[in-house]
Every structure is written in C-alpha cells, then in structure tokens.
C-alpha atoms as a PDB file:
ATOM      1  CA  MET A   1      -2.133 -41.187 -35.655  1.00  0.00           C
ATOM      2  CA  ILE A   2      -3.811 -43.982 -33.736  1.00  0.00           C
ATOM      3  CA  ALA A   3      -5.172 -46.808 -35.908  1.00  0.00           C
ATOM      4  CA  PHE A   4      -8.659 -47.582 -34.655  1.00  0.00           C
ATOM      5  CA  PRO A   5     -10.506 -50.610 -36.078  1.00  0.00           C
ATOM      6  CA  ALA A   6     -12.602 -49.675 -39.126  1.00  0.00           C
ATOM      7  CA  GLY A   7     -15.798 -51.054 -37.629  1.00  0.00           C
ATOM      8  CA  ALA A   8     -15.398 -49.463 -34.203  1.00  0.00           C
ATOM      9  CA  LYS A   9     -18.276 -47.333 -32.971  1.00  0.00           C
ATOM     10  CA  VAL A  10     -17.196 -43.835 -32.020  1.00  0.00           C
ATOM     11  CA  TRP A  11     -19.263 -41.700 -29.673  1.00  0.00           C
ATOM     12  CA  ILE A  12     -18.790 -37.965 -29.172  1.00  0.00           C
ATOM     13  CA  ALA A  13     -19.997 -36.726 -25.786  1.00  0.00           C
ATOM     14  CA  GLY A  14     -21.989 -33.525 -26.188  1.00  0.00           C
ATOM     15  CA  GLY A  15     -21.200 -30.459 -24.164  1.00  0.00           C
ATOM     16  CA  VAL A  16     -17.898 -29.870 -22.414  1.00  0.00           C
ATOM     17  CA  THR A  17     -15.983 -32.145 -20.076  1.00  0.00           C
ATOM     18  CA  ASP A  18     -13.658 -31.283 -17.216  1.00  0.00           C
ATOM     19  CA  MET A  19     -10.272 -32.207 -18.693  1.00  0.00           C
ATOM     20  CA  ARG A  20      -8.850 -32.881 -15.231  1.00  0.00           C
ATOM     21  CA  LYS A  21     -10.800 -36.169 -15.265  1.00  0.00           C
ATOM     22  CA  GLY A  22      -8.757 -39.313 -15.698  1.00  0.00           C
ATOM     23  CA  MET A  23      -9.431 -42.752 -17.100  1.00  0.00           C
ATOM     24  CA  ASN A  24     -11.578 -44.093 -14.244  1.00  0.00           C
ATOM     25  CA  THR A  25     -13.696 -40.954 -13.898  1.00  0.00           C
ATOM     26  CA  LEU A  26     -14.337 -40.783 -17.650  1.00  0.00           C
ATOM     27  CA  ALA A  27     -15.278 -44.484 -17.673  1.00  0.00           C
ATOM     28  CA  LEU A  28     -17.750 -43.771 -14.882  1.00  0.00           C
ATOM     29  CA  GLN A  29     -19.130 -40.823 -16.887  1.00  0.00           C
ATOM     30  CA  VAL A  30     -19.608 -43.126 -19.891  1.00  0.00           C
ATOM     31  CA  GLN A  31     -21.552 -45.588 -17.729  1.00  0.00           C
ATOM     32  CA  GLN A  32     -23.676 -43.144 -15.761  1.00  0.00           C
ATOM     33  CA  GLY A  33     -23.948 -40.104 -18.015  1.00  0.00           C
ATOM     34  CA  LEU A  34     -23.994 -41.682 -21.468  1.00  0.00           C
ATOM     35  CA  GLY A  35     -25.532 -45.034 -20.535  1.00  0.00           C
ATOM     36  CA  ARG A  36     -22.906 -47.020 -22.460  1.00  0.00           C
ATOM     37  CA  ASP A  37     -20.378 -49.713 -21.529  1.00  0.00           C
ATOM     38  CA  PRO A  38     -16.825 -48.275 -21.581  1.00  0.00           C
ATOM     39  CA  TYR A  39     -15.385 -51.817 -21.885  1.00  0.00           C
ATOM     40  CA  ALA A  40     -17.301 -52.849 -25.021  1.00  0.00           C
ATOM     41  CA  GLY A  41     -14.632 -51.732 -27.517  1.00  0.00           C
ATOM     42  CA  GLU A  42     -16.301 -48.457 -28.441  1.00  0.00           C
ATOM     43  CA  ILE A  43     -14.390 -45.168 -28.553  1.00  0.00           C
ATOM     44  CA  PHE A  44     -15.619 -42.225 -26.490  1.00  0.00           C
ATOM     45  CA  CYS A  45     -14.526 -38.651 -27.216  1.00  0.00           C
ATOM     46  CA  PHE A  46     -14.644 -35.742 -24.786  1.00  0.00           C
ATOM     47  CA  ARG A  47     -13.797 -32.086 -25.423  1.00  0.00           C
ATOM     48  CA  GLY A  48     -12.632 -29.410 -23.010  1.00  0.00           C
ATOM     49  CA  ARG A  49     -14.215 -25.999 -22.528  1.00  0.00           C
ATOM     50  CA  ARG A  50     -11.748 -24.096 -24.742  1.00  0.00           C
ATOM     51  CA  GLY A  51     -12.215 -26.585 -27.585  1.00  0.00           C
ATOM     52  CA  ASP A  52      -8.522 -27.174 -28.275  1.00  0.00           C
ATOM     53  CA  LEU A  53      -8.205 -30.368 -26.188  1.00  0.00           C
ATOM     54  CA  VAL A  54      -9.877 -33.767 -26.593  1.00  0.00           C
ATOM     55  CA  LYS A  55      -9.597 -37.022 -24.677  1.00  0.00           C
ATOM     56  CA  LEU A  56     -10.472 -40.428 -26.122  1.00  0.00           C
ATOM     57  CA  LEU A  57     -11.308 -43.431 -23.983  1.00  0.00           C
ATOM     58  CA  TRP A  58     -11.037 -46.848 -25.661  1.00  0.00           C
ATOM     59  CA  HIS A  59     -10.957 -50.462 -24.505  1.00  0.00           C
ATOM     60  CA  ASP A  60      -9.098 -52.504 -27.136  1.00  0.00           C
ATOM     61  CA  GLY A  61      -9.854 -55.917 -25.651  1.00  0.00           C
ATOM     62  CA  VAL A  62      -6.660 -55.994 -23.606  1.00  0.00           C
ATOM     63  CA  GLY A  63      -6.984 -52.858 -21.519  1.00  0.00           C
ATOM     64  CA  VAL A  64      -8.347 -49.336 -21.397  1.00  0.00           C
ATOM     65  CA  SER A  65      -6.419 -46.538 -23.100  1.00  0.00           C
ATOM     66  CA  LEU A  66      -6.782 -42.802 -22.615  1.00  0.00           C
ATOM     67  CA  TYR A  67      -5.531 -40.618 -25.435  1.00  0.00           C
ATOM     68  CA  MET A  68      -5.272 -36.857 -25.341  1.00  0.00           C
ATOM     69  CA  LYS A  69      -4.653 -34.381 -28.145  1.00  0.00           C
ATOM     70  CA  ARG A  70      -4.277 -30.620 -28.046  1.00  0.00           C
ATOM     71  CA  LEU A  71      -4.325 -28.441 -31.151  1.00  0.00           C
ATOM     72  CA  GLU A  72      -1.647 -25.762 -31.416  1.00  0.00           C
ATOM     73  CA  ALA A  73      -4.039 -23.484 -33.294  1.00  0.00           C
ATOM     74  CA  GLY A  74      -7.782 -23.643 -33.838  1.00  0.00           C
ATOM     75  CA  LYS A  75     -10.480 -25.736 -32.205  1.00  0.00           C
ATOM     76  CA  PHE A  76     -11.877 -29.204 -32.680  1.00  0.00           C
ATOM     77  CA  ILE A  77     -15.135 -29.302 -34.653  1.00  0.00           C
ATOM     78  CA  TRP A  78     -17.782 -30.513 -32.208  1.00  0.00           C
ATOM     79  CA  PRO A  79     -21.468 -31.278 -32.731  1.00  0.00           C
ATOM     80  CA  VAL A  80     -24.020 -28.924 -31.243  1.00  0.00           C
ATOM     81  CA  SER A  81     -25.831 -30.946 -28.614  1.00  0.00           C
ATOM     82  CA  GLY A  82     -26.724 -30.672 -24.995  1.00  0.00           C
ATOM     83  CA  SER A  83     -24.722 -32.113 -22.147  1.00  0.00           C
ATOM     84  CA  GLY A  84     -25.216 -35.863 -21.783  1.00  0.00           C
ATOM     85  CA  GLU A  85     -26.165 -36.386 -25.428  1.00  0.00           C
ATOM     86  CA  THR A  86     -23.967 -38.389 -27.755  1.00  0.00           C
ATOM     87  CA  VAL A  87     -23.346 -38.332 -31.484  1.00  0.00           C
ATOM     88  CA  GLN A  88     -22.088 -41.434 -33.278  1.00  0.00           C
ATOM     89  CA  ILE A  89     -19.458 -41.028 -35.997  1.00  0.00           C
ATOM     90  CA  SER A  90     -17.319 -43.471 -37.988  1.00  0.00           C
ATOM     91  CA  ALA A  91     -13.715 -44.460 -37.349  1.00  0.00           C
ATOM     92  CA  ALA A  92     -12.745 -42.494 -40.494  1.00  0.00           C
ATOM     93  CA  GLN A  93     -14.470 -39.381 -39.180  1.00  0.00           C
ATOM     94  CA  ILE A  94     -12.573 -39.568 -35.886  1.00  0.00           C
ATOM     95  CA  GLY A  95      -9.376 -39.435 -37.941  1.00  0.00           C
ATOM     96  CA  TYR A  96     -10.536 -36.183 -39.511  1.00  0.00           C
ATOM     97  CA  LEU A  97     -11.599 -34.798 -36.142  1.00  0.00           C
ATOM     98  CA  LEU A  98      -8.198 -35.521 -34.583  1.00  0.00           C
ATOM     99  CA  GLU A  99      -6.456 -33.734 -37.460  1.00  0.00           C
ATOM    100  CA  GLY A 100      -8.599 -30.623 -36.917  1.00  0.00           C
ATOM    101  CA  ILE A 101     -10.527 -31.166 -40.170  1.00  0.00           C
ATOM    102  CA  ASP A 102     -14.294 -30.650 -40.277  1.00  0.00           C
ATOM    103  CA  TRP A 103     -15.370 -34.298 -40.041  1.00  0.00           C
ATOM    104  CA  ARG A 104     -18.943 -33.434 -41.103  1.00  0.00           C
ATOM    105  CA  ASN A 105     -17.843 -32.333 -44.578  1.00  0.00           C
ATOM    106  CA  PRO A 106     -14.183 -33.218 -45.293  1.00  0.00           C
ATOM    107  CA  ARG A 107     -12.809 -31.647 -48.451  1.00  0.00           C
ATOM    108  CA  TRP A 108      -9.595 -30.276 -49.850  1.00  0.00           C
ATOM    109  CA  THR A 109      -8.901 -26.736 -48.710  1.00  0.00           C
ATOM    110  CA  GLN A 110      -6.578 -26.111 -51.631  1.00  0.00           C
ATOM    111  CA  ARG A 111      -6.158 -27.631 -55.061  1.00  0.00           C
ATOM    112  CA  PRO A 112      -3.388 -30.263 -55.296  1.00  0.00           C
ATOM    113  CA  ALA A 113      -0.379 -29.125 -57.328  1.00  0.00           C
ATOM    114  CA  LYS A 114      -0.058 -30.519 -60.858  1.00  0.00           C
ATOM    115  CA  VAL A 115       2.846 -32.844 -61.421  1.00  0.00           C
ATOM    116  CA  GLY A 116       4.704 -32.727 -64.681  1.00  0.00           C
END
C-alpha cells in the first residue's frame, strides 16, 4: 500500500469519472471541476462507472503521481453525491477505501481467532 502523509487532505470526487483520463486531464478536472489546486499536496480520488477502478492523483512536493487500483471482486465504497461535489476524508480512511473496506464504518467482519 502507498504511505500517504498522515495529515494529507484527501478529496473524493463525486459521481463517475472517465477512466481513460490521464494525469494532465485529471489535474485539469481538479482545477476546473473541483476548484482545487492539484499541486498543493492534496490527494484526489476518482472512481470509474463500474465502481471497481479508482485513480488517485497526488503531488508529493517533487512531482505528480497517478495511482490506479482495480478490485478483483466487489466495488469501492463511494459517497453518494452529485457530479462535481467532493467529500473530504482522512489519510487513514483512504487506506480502508483502497482495501475495499467500508471507510465510513470500518470494523472487523469476523472475530479474531483466540491464541493459546
């Protein structure tokens, strides 16, 4: 998993995004559609129509990175919001999201086995 800074702001873009878009087009979408600066060190998340693919755009101070993750089974949990709206989450919550866990209410799905 990618280690994002603990204090980094993470923004989830509402609606669906054309996953054919690359780094420059997504940066332009952040500027024009979301009204944010893609070079300010914040992380921007975009989800495809089927819900099994996300792209993350992040400027780490040295350069811009574009990460992509596809789930083998299931869909990424995404907030219900209109296109162009954003939802801010924490760096810890983005870790849950990328693992396919419901980041809004993370909990164990099964009881840990007793040792001993």
